[in-house]
Amino acid sequence: AQYIHGGPDAREVARLEKQARWTAEFSLPVLEARPGDRVLDLATGVGAPAGQILVRFPDLRLIGVDLRMAHLKIAQRNHPGIPYVNGDGTALPFGTGAFDRVHCSWLLEHVRDPVAILREVHRVLRPGGTCVFVEVDNSTFRIAPEDPVILELMDALNRAQIAGGGDPYVGQKLGRLFAEAGFTGVEIDPIEHHGTQQQPRVFCELVDEFAEIFEGLDEALGPSWAPRAQEAAQRLRALCARPDGEFHYTSMRARASR
């Protein structure tokens, strides 16, 4: 489907690196990779998630795969030493049972047929192998106090993703999608992200994550939306300075066995 976050310019690469560090905190603890395991980082993009995997599991046989060559060239430059392969997630260029583990974050929201991706992941995993996916559910986005400019941008993001063939609510469907792809032992865990003034650093990190997404929507929404995207990002960042401000979002994590 149409990728709504734009091309890999310096701004987007920096956002992806920061996002990978944030995501690793709740995706990698359940990867359970062991030294020598063959691990695939699916949709590795600019190599940021693969880099985070190697920080935590330095003795793996890790491969990153992505559809976009422009992103992989940046991955080779910024995270060297990892083999990268240009490939389509619906027809992975690997043999059956080639991997012990597969890691993937924020992919299924961007594809037209998530089950086709998951069937390929099932195929390339060895019997007993596991995969870990992290996905969005934008229906869980909540802020307090409500702000019409922020909510307008979030709605525009969701509509643009749907119009482009993606699904901003795919996280709530993961159990059914994994079952259709043939997985057993599927565990779906909601990962709650809650920001308040009780933890101001966490609060500001959360709102900044979404503010940067808003700022990168100018390519997907068109230039007429750029001023509103900037205003929404500014208002969102200002939220973490308010004593009554709150931020809520729930990511969905799936762990499944072949």
Protein backbone atom coordinates (compact mmCIF):
# COMPACT_ATOMS: atom_id res chain seq x y z
CA ALA A 1 0.00 0.00 0.00
CA GLN A 2 0.99 3.64 -0.20
CA TYR A 3 3.58 4.49 2.44
CA ILE A 4 2.28 7.59 4.21
CA HIS A 5 5.45 8.69 6.02
CA GLY A 6 7.33 10.00 3.00
CA GLY A 7 10.79 9.37 1.63
CA PRO A 8 13.97 8.67 3.61
CA ASP A 9 15.22 12.23 4.04
CA ALA A 10 17.31 13.17 7.08
CA ARG A 11 14.21 14.06 9.12
CA GLU A 12 12.51 10.74 8.44
CA VAL A 13 15.67 8.71 9.05
CA ALA A 14 16.12 10.40 12.44
CA ARG A 15 12.48 9.67 13.28
CA LEU A 16 12.86 6.00 12.36
CA GLU A 17 16.01 5.64 14.47
CA LYS A 18 14.27 7.17 17.49
CA GLN A 19 11.17 5.04 16.91
CA ALA A 20 13.27 1.88 16.74
CA ARG A 21 14.88 2.64 20.11
CA TRP A 22 11.44 3.23 21.63
CA THR A 23 9.90 0.12 20.06
CA ALA A 24 12.79 -2.12 21.12
CA GLU A 25 11.85 -1.60 24.75
CA PHE A 26 8.67 -3.65 24.32
CA SER A 27 9.32 -5.76 21.21
CA LEU A 28 12.71 -7.29 21.90
CA PRO A 29 12.21 -8.65 25.45
CA VAL A 30 9.91 -11.34 24.00
CA LEU A 31 12.06 -12.17 20.95
CA GLU A 32 13.98 -14.71 23.06
CA ALA A 33 16.76 -15.09 20.52
CA ARG A 34 19.74 -17.27 21.45
CA PRO A 35 23.36 -17.06 20.30
CA GLY A 36 23.66 -18.44 16.79
CA ASP A 37 19.95 -18.11 15.97
CA ARG A 38 19.05 -17.17 12.42
CA VAL A 39 16.93 -14.04 12.73
CA LEU A 40 15.10 -12.06 10.05
CA ASP A 41 14.25 -8.39 10.59
CA LEU A 42 11.32 -8.00 8.21
CA ALA A 43 10.72 -4.48 6.82
CA THR A 44 14.00 -3.31 8.31
CA GLY A 45 13.75 0.01 6.47
CA VAL A 46 16.83 2.12 7.20
CA GLY A 47 18.21 -0.66 9.40
CA ALA A 48 17.20 0.96 12.70
CA PRO A 49 15.35 -2.07 14.14
CA ALA A 50 18.10 -4.44 13.02
CA GLY A 51 20.62 -2.23 14.79
CA GLN A 52 18.58 -2.42 17.99
CA ILE A 53 18.39 -6.21 17.72
CA LEU A 54 22.17 -6.51 17.51
CA VAL A 55 22.64 -4.23 20.52
CA ARG A 56 20.66 -6.70 22.63
CA PHE A 57 21.61 -9.94 20.86
CA PRO A 58 25.13 -9.50 19.43
CA ASP A 59 25.71 -13.17 18.58
CA LEU A 60 22.92 -13.70 16.08
CA ARG A 61 22.98 -14.50 12.40
CA LEU A 62 20.82 -11.51 11.47
CA ILE A 63 19.47 -10.50 8.05
CA GLY A 64 17.40 -7.41 7.24
CA VAL A 65 14.95 -7.38 4.35
CA ASP A 66 13.00 -4.50 2.86
CA LEU A 67 11.12 -3.68 -0.33
CA ARG A 68 12.66 -0.23 -0.82
CA MET A 69 16.22 0.02 -2.11
CA ALA A 70 16.48 3.68 -1.09
CA HIS A 71 15.99 2.66 2.54
CA LEU A 72 18.40 -0.26 2.30
CA LYS A 73 21.19 1.96 0.98
CA ILE A 74 20.83 4.06 4.13
CA ALA A 75 20.75 0.90 6.25
CA GLN A 76 24.05 -0.26 4.73
CA ARG A 77 25.60 3.10 5.52
CA ASN A 78 24.20 3.61 9.05
CA HIS A 79 24.19 0.01 10.28
CA PRO A 80 27.00 -1.79 8.43
CA GLY A 81 27.93 -5.37 9.12
CA ILE A 82 24.36 -6.64 8.73
CA PRO A 83 23.45 -8.40 5.47
CA TYR A 84 20.51 -6.68 3.77
CA VAL A 85 18.31 -8.16 1.09
CA ASN A 86 15.89 -6.39 -1.22
CA GLY A 87 12.68 -8.43 -1.11
CA ASP A 88 8.90 -8.41 -1.09
CA GLY A 89 7.27 -9.61 2.14
CA THR A 90 4.67 -11.57 0.16
CA ALA A 91 7.41 -13.56 -1.65
CA LEU A 92 10.46 -13.63 0.61
CA PRO A 93 13.69 -14.70 -1.12
CA PHE A 94 14.52 -17.33 1.51
CA GLY A 95 14.02 -21.06 1.80
CA THR A 96 11.35 -22.76 3.85
CA GLY A 97 12.35 -23.01 7.50
CA ALA A 98 15.33 -20.69 7.03
CA PHE A 99 14.92 -18.72 10.29
CA ASP A 100 14.58 -19.39 14.01
CA ARG A 101 13.06 -15.98 14.71
CA VAL A 102 11.38 -13.20 12.74
CA HIS A 103 11.04 -9.67 14.07
CA CYS A 104 8.81 -7.03 12.50
CA SER A 105 7.55 -3.64 13.63
CA TRP A 106 5.00 -1.27 12.06
CA LEU A 107 4.60 -3.12 8.75
CA LEU A 108 1.11 -4.59 8.56
CA GLU A 109 -0.52 -1.16 8.82
CA HIS A 110 1.03 -0.38 5.42
CA VAL A 111 0.05 -3.46 3.38
CA ARG A 112 -3.07 -4.43 1.48
CA ASP A 113 -2.94 -8.13 2.40
CA PRO A 114 -1.47 -8.75 5.87
CA VAL A 115 -2.27 -12.46 5.72
CA ALA A 116 -0.06 -12.87 2.63
CA ILE A 117 2.83 -11.40 4.62
CA LEU A 118 2.15 -13.61 7.63
CA ARG A 119 1.91 -16.77 5.50
CA GLU A 120 5.39 -16.04 4.15
CA VAL A 121 6.69 -15.49 7.67
CA HIS A 122 5.13 -18.82 8.65
CA ARG A 123 6.88 -20.49 5.69
CA VAL A 124 10.37 -19.14 6.38
CA LEU A 125 10.25 -20.01 10.09
CA ARG A 126 11.50 -23.41 11.12
CA PRO A 127 9.06 -25.69 12.98
CA GLY A 128 8.99 -24.37 16.54
CA GLY A 129 10.32 -20.99 15.44
CA THR A 130 8.66 -17.80 16.62
CA CYS A 131 7.93 -14.34 15.34
CA VAL A 132 7.27 -11.04 17.09
CA PHE A 133 5.22 -8.27 15.48
CA VAL A 134 4.37 -4.81 16.83
CA GLU A 135 1.49 -2.95 15.20
CA VAL A 136 -0.72 0.12 15.53
CA ASP A 137 -4.28 0.56 16.68
CA ASN A 138 -5.02 4.23 16.13
CA SER A 139 -8.49 3.89 17.62
CA THR A 140 -6.74 3.93 21.01
CA PHE A 141 -5.31 7.46 20.56
CA ARG A 142 -6.55 9.73 23.36
CA ILE A 143 -5.42 13.09 24.70
CA ALA A 144 -6.67 15.26 27.52
CA PRO A 145 -7.77 17.94 27.30
CA GLU A 146 -9.06 17.26 23.79
CA ASP A 147 -7.73 19.48 21.04
CA PRO A 148 -9.66 19.75 17.74
CA VAL A 149 -6.54 20.53 15.69
CA ILE A 150 -4.70 17.44 16.95
CA LEU A 151 -7.75 15.23 16.48
CA GLU A 152 -8.25 16.59 12.96
CA LEU A 153 -4.69 15.61 12.03
CA MET A 154 -5.08 12.16 13.53
CA ASP A 155 -8.26 11.66 11.55
CA ALA A 156 -6.54 12.85 8.38
CA LEU A 157 -3.68 10.41 8.99
CA ASN A 158 -6.13 7.53 9.40
CA ARG A 159 -8.13 8.45 6.30
CA ALA A 160 -4.98 8.83 4.20
CA GLN A 161 -3.72 5.43 5.29
CA ILE A 162 -7.03 3.75 4.48
CA ALA A 163 -7.26 5.53 1.10
CA GLY A 164 -3.75 4.29 0.29
CA GLY A 165 -4.66 0.67 1.03
CA GLY A 166 -3.33 0.41 4.59
CA ASP A 167 -5.05 -0.13 7.92
CA PRO A 168 -4.45 2.15 10.93
CA TYR A 169 -6.47 -0.23 13.13
CA VAL A 170 -4.74 -3.47 12.16
CA GLY A 171 -3.53 -4.14 15.71
CA GLN A 172 -7.00 -5.08 16.92
CA LYS A 173 -7.19 -7.76 14.18
CA LEU A 174 -3.87 -9.52 14.80
CA GLY A 175 -5.33 -12.63 16.44
CA ARG A 176 -7.55 -13.39 13.45
CA LEU A 177 -4.83 -12.56 10.90
CA PHE A 178 -2.23 -14.83 12.51
CA ALA A 179 -4.76 -17.66 12.76
CA GLU A 180 -5.62 -17.30 9.06
CA ALA A 181 -1.92 -17.52 8.23
CA GLY A 182 -1.62 -20.87 10.03
CA PHE A 183 0.09 -19.84 13.26
CA THR A 184 -0.49 -21.57 16.58
CA GLY A 185 0.26 -20.41 20.08
CA VAL A 186 -0.56 -16.80 19.24
CA GLU A 187 -0.19 -14.37 22.13
CA ILE A 188 -1.58 -10.85 21.69
CA ASP A 189 -0.50 -8.27 24.27
CA PRO A 190 -1.68 -4.66 24.43
CA ILE A 191 1.21 -2.33 25.27
CA GLU A 192 -0.19 0.69 27.09
CA HIS A 193 1.51 4.06 26.60
CA HIS A 194 0.27 6.56 29.17
CA GLY A 195 1.78 9.99 29.63
CA THR A 196 1.09 12.36 32.54
CA GLN A 197 3.02 14.87 34.62
CA GLN A 198 3.81 12.08 37.07
CA GLN A 199 6.48 10.95 34.57
CA PRO A 200 7.26 14.07 32.55
CA ARG A 201 10.14 12.57 30.55
CA VAL A 202 8.03 9.62 29.40
CA PHE A 203 5.13 11.96 28.69
CA CYS A 204 7.20 14.20 26.45
CA GLU A 205 8.79 11.26 24.63
CA LEU A 206 5.34 9.88 23.80
CA VAL A 207 3.92 13.13 22.47
CA ASP A 208 7.12 13.80 20.52
CA GLU A 209 6.79 10.41 18.79
CA PHE A 210 3.40 11.38 17.40
CA ALA A 211 4.36 15.01 16.76
CA GLU A 212 7.14 13.80 14.47
CA ILE A 213 4.67 11.57 12.64
CA PHE A 214 2.41 14.59 12.11
CA GLU A 215 5.33 16.65 10.80
CA GLY A 216 6.12 13.96 8.22
CA LEU A 217 2.61 13.85 6.77
CA ASP A 218 3.10 16.72 4.35
CA GLU A 219 3.97 14.33 1.50
CA ALA A 220 0.96 12.07 2.07
CA LEU A 221 -1.62 14.79 2.75
CA GLY A 222 -0.32 17.39 0.33
CA PRO A 223 1.17 20.86 0.79
CA SER A 224 -2.16 22.43 1.78
CA TRP A 225 -2.05 20.37 4.99
CA ALA A 226 1.49 21.39 5.95
CA PRO A 227 0.52 24.38 8.15
CA ARG A 228 -2.10 22.36 10.01
CA ALA A 229 0.33 19.46 10.49
CA GLN A 230 2.89 21.83 11.99
CA GLU A 231 0.28 23.42 14.25
CA ALA A 232 -0.96 20.02 15.43
CA ALA A 233 2.61 18.94 16.21
CA GLN A 234 3.22 22.12 18.20
CA ARG A 235 -0.02 21.72 20.14
CA LEU A 236 0.79 18.10 20.89
CA ARG A 237 4.25 18.96 22.23
CA ALA A 238 2.72 21.74 24.36
CA LEU A 239 0.44 19.17 25.96
CA CYS A 240 3.27 17.66 28.01
CA ALA A 241 3.81 21.03 29.73
CA ARG A 242 0.22 21.23 30.94
CA PRO A 243 -0.41 20.07 34.53
CA ASP A 244 -3.72 18.54 33.38
CA GLY A 245 -2.32 17.03 30.18
CA GLU A 246 -2.60 13.30 29.41
CA PHE A 247 -1.71 11.06 26.50
CA HIS A 248 -2.98 7.53 25.87
CA TYR A 249 -2.11 5.06 23.14
CA THR A 250 -2.02 1.26 22.92
CA SER A 251 0.37 -0.61 20.63
CA MET A 252 -0.39 -4.25 19.93
CA ARG A 253 2.32 -6.91 20.20
CA ALA A 254 1.90 -10.39 18.77
CA ARG A 255 4.11 -13.37 19.45
CA ALA A 256 3.36 -16.53 17.50
CA SER A 257 4.86 -19.98 16.91
CA ARG A 258 5.06 -22.04 13.76
